[in-house]
Amino acid sequence: MRNPFSGTSKPEDETTSTKPVFGDKMNSVSKECTQLKHQYDECFQTWFTEKFLKGDTDDSMCSPLLKVYQSCVQKAMKEQQIDLGDVVKNHLNTPEECKPPS
């Protein structure tokens, strides 16, 4: 069966798997955080498919991984001089949206 997300074919023995196929994983903002991101993503996908979709909304199983990953991202953003306020600031439908970067 062809996997539309990764552009590769799945072996026949995987066609009956109930686990969703998400294709290639995105990297984190920093190389040092990428492995942590992938670990958290895997945990989240497991929680979502095996717990949340069955009615269990307790998301604490991934909380420790999320905290470590968030800490890594915050450190990387500081090192790269990325201001979190600039990242979360809403520019859509404001005069700021039309301004060229300074």
C-alpha atoms as a PDB file:
ATOM      1  CA  MET A   1       0.000   0.000   0.000  1.00  0.00           C
ATOM      2  CA  ARG A   2       1.401   3.418  -0.947  1.00  0.00           C
ATOM      3  CA  ASN A   3       1.991   5.884   1.863  1.00  0.00           C
ATOM      4  CA  PRO A   4       0.855   9.316   0.590  1.00  0.00           C
ATOM      5  CA  PHE A   5       2.754  11.133   3.348  1.00  0.00           C
ATOM      6  CA  SER A   6       6.265   9.801   2.857  1.00  0.00           C
ATOM      7  CA  GLY A   7       6.218   8.924  -0.826  1.00  0.00           C
ATOM      8  CA  THR A   8       7.296   5.358  -0.092  1.00  0.00           C
ATOM      9  CA  SER A   9       5.513   2.051  -0.148  1.00  0.00           C
ATOM     10  CA  LYS A  10       4.722   0.167   3.026  1.00  0.00           C
ATOM     11  CA  PRO A  11       5.616  -3.525   3.197  1.00  0.00           C
ATOM     12  CA  GLU A  12       2.595  -5.799   2.891  1.00  0.00           C
ATOM     13  CA  ASP A  13       2.749  -6.925   6.537  1.00  0.00           C
ATOM     14  CA  GLU A  14       2.143  -3.326   7.693  1.00  0.00           C
ATOM     15  CA  THR A  15      -1.066  -2.770   5.724  1.00  0.00           C
ATOM     16  CA  THR A  16      -3.222  -4.014   8.598  1.00  0.00           C
ATOM     17  CA  SER A  17      -1.597  -1.782  11.220  1.00  0.00           C
ATOM     18  CA  THR A  18      -3.951   0.529  13.102  1.00  0.00           C
ATOM     19  CA  LYS A  19      -1.142   2.965  13.899  1.00  0.00           C
ATOM     20  CA  PRO A  20      -1.319   6.070  11.697  1.00  0.00           C
ATOM     21  CA  VAL A  21       1.552   6.787   9.345  1.00  0.00           C
ATOM     22  CA  PHE A  22       2.793  10.380   9.548  1.00  0.00           C
ATOM     23  CA  GLY A  23       5.805  10.234   7.215  1.00  0.00           C
ATOM     24  CA  ASP A  24       9.013  12.092   7.889  1.00  0.00           C
ATOM     25  CA  LYS A  25       9.334  13.921  11.179  1.00  0.00           C
ATOM     26  CA  MET A  26      10.098  17.625  11.361  1.00  0.00           C
ATOM     27  CA  ASN A  27      13.195  18.811  13.168  1.00  0.00           C
ATOM     28  CA  SER A  28      13.157  21.148  16.121  1.00  0.00           C
ATOM     29  CA  VAL A  29      14.287  24.769  16.263  1.00  0.00           C
ATOM     30  CA  SER A  30      17.698  23.500  17.380  1.00  0.00           C
ATOM     31  CA  LYS A  31      19.678  20.419  16.408  1.00  0.00           C
ATOM     32  CA  GLU A  32      20.196  19.683  20.111  1.00  0.00           C
ATOM     33  CA  CYS A  33      16.413  19.507  20.652  1.00  0.00           C
ATOM     34  CA  THR A  34      15.461  17.375  17.648  1.00  0.00           C
ATOM     35  CA  GLN A  35      15.738  13.984  19.363  1.00  0.00           C
ATOM     36  CA  LEU A  36      13.670  15.276  22.296  1.00  0.00           C
ATOM     37  CA  LYS A  37      11.054  16.575  19.852  1.00  0.00           C
ATOM     38  CA  HIS A  38      10.838  13.204  18.109  1.00  0.00           C
ATOM     39  CA  GLN A  39      10.470  11.421  21.465  1.00  0.00           C
ATOM     40  CA  TYR A  40       7.690  13.788  22.513  1.00  0.00           C
ATOM     41  CA  ASP A  41       5.973  13.521  19.112  1.00  0.00           C
ATOM     42  CA  GLU A  42       5.995   9.725  19.375  1.00  0.00           C
ATOM     43  CA  CYS A  43       4.578   9.859  22.903  1.00  0.00           C
ATOM     44  CA  PHE A  44       1.894  12.332  21.837  1.00  0.00           C
ATOM     45  CA  GLN A  45       0.882  10.230  18.826  1.00  0.00           C
ATOM     46  CA  THR A  46       0.627   7.154  21.050  1.00  0.00           C
ATOM     47  CA  TRP A  47      -1.427   9.045  23.656  1.00  0.00           C
ATOM     48  CA  PHE A  48      -3.697  10.543  21.017  1.00  0.00           C
ATOM     49  CA  THR A  49      -4.451   7.288  19.197  1.00  0.00           C
ATOM     50  CA  GLU A  50      -4.479   4.889  22.148  1.00  0.00           C
ATOM     51  CA  LYS A  51      -5.946   7.086  24.887  1.00  0.00           C
ATOM     52  CA  PHE A  52      -7.591  10.326  23.722  1.00  0.00           C
ATOM     53  CA  LEU A  53      -9.527   8.814  20.814  1.00  0.00           C
ATOM     54  CA  LYS A  54     -10.895   6.234  23.259  1.00  0.00           C
ATOM     55  CA  GLY A  55     -12.119   8.895  25.679  1.00  0.00           C
ATOM     56  CA  ASP A  56      -9.165   9.136  28.071  1.00  0.00           C
ATOM     57  CA  THR A  57      -8.256  12.834  28.205  1.00  0.00           C
ATOM     58  CA  ASP A  58      -5.529  12.507  30.872  1.00  0.00           C
ATOM     59  CA  ASP A  59      -2.501  13.791  28.983  1.00  0.00           C
ATOM     60  CA  SER A  60      -0.013  13.401  31.840  1.00  0.00           C
ATOM     61  CA  MET A  61       1.813  10.452  30.265  1.00  0.00           C
ATOM     62  CA  CYS A  62       3.830  12.785  28.005  1.00  0.00           C
ATOM     63  CA  SER A  63       4.214  15.677  30.452  1.00  0.00           C
ATOM     64  CA  PRO A  64       7.778  14.813  31.555  1.00  0.00           C
ATOM     65  CA  LEU A  65       8.967  14.644  27.934  1.00  0.00           C
ATOM     66  CA  LEU A  66       7.175  17.884  27.086  1.00  0.00           C
ATOM     67  CA  LYS A  67       8.829  19.723  29.981  1.00  0.00           C
ATOM     68  CA  VAL A  68      12.321  18.584  28.957  1.00  0.00           C
ATOM     69  CA  TYR A  69      11.658  19.456  25.305  1.00  0.00           C
ATOM     70  CA  GLN A  70      10.222  22.888  26.200  1.00  0.00           C
ATOM     71  CA  SER A  71      13.279  23.636  28.320  1.00  0.00           C
ATOM     72  CA  CYS A  72      15.573  22.718  25.438  1.00  0.00           C
ATOM     73  CA  VAL A  73      13.616  24.914  22.998  1.00  0.00           C
ATOM     74  CA  GLN A  74      13.609  27.863  25.392  1.00  0.00           C
ATOM     75  CA  LYS A  75      17.389  27.580  25.805  1.00  0.00           C
ATOM     76  CA  ALA A  76      17.898  27.318  22.034  1.00  0.00           C
ATOM     77  CA  MET A  77      15.673  30.331  21.394  1.00  0.00           C
ATOM     78  CA  LYS A  78      17.659  32.363  23.907  1.00  0.00           C
ATOM     79  CA  GLU A  79      20.951  31.304  22.295  1.00  0.00           C
ATOM     80  CA  GLN A  80      19.590  32.214  18.846  1.00  0.00           C
ATOM     81  CA  GLN A  81      18.184  35.498  20.200  1.00  0.00           C
ATOM     82  CA  ILE A  82      14.616  34.585  19.254  1.00  0.00           C
ATOM     83  CA  ASP A  83      12.171  36.510  21.429  1.00  0.00           C
ATOM     84  CA  LEU A  84       9.149  34.392  22.369  1.00  0.00           C
ATOM     85  CA  GLY A  85       7.029  37.552  22.282  1.00  0.00           C
ATOM     86  CA  ASP A  86       7.839  37.930  18.581  1.00  0.00           C
ATOM     87  CA  VAL A  87       6.819  34.336  17.947  1.00  0.00           C
ATOM     88  CA  VAL A  88       3.419  34.508  19.650  1.00  0.00           C
ATOM     89  CA  LYS A  89       2.517  38.087  18.714  1.00  0.00           C
ATOM     90  CA  ASN A  90      -0.595  38.270  16.557  1.00  0.00           C
ATOM     91  CA  HIS A  91       0.074  40.173  13.337  1.00  0.00           C
ATOM     92  CA  LEU A  92      -2.889  38.969  11.285  1.00  0.00           C
ATOM     93  CA  ASN A  93      -5.525  41.579  10.536  1.00  0.00           C
ATOM     94  CA  THR A  94      -3.423  44.344  12.098  1.00  0.00           C
ATOM     95  CA  PRO A  95      -1.478  47.242  10.556  1.00  0.00           C
ATOM     96  CA  GLU A  96       1.681  45.302  11.502  1.00  0.00           C
ATOM     97  CA  GLU A  97       0.771  42.615   8.953  1.00  0.00           C
ATOM     98  CA  CYS A  98       1.400  44.962   6.019  1.00  0.00           C
ATOM     99  CA  LYS A  99       4.657  46.453   7.315  1.00  0.00           C
ATOM    100  CA  PRO A 100       7.880  45.212   5.738  1.00  0.00           C
ATOM    101  CA  PRO A 101      10.370  43.697   8.191  1.00  0.00           C
ATOM    102  CA  SER A 102      12.748  46.231   9.706  1.00  0.00           C
END
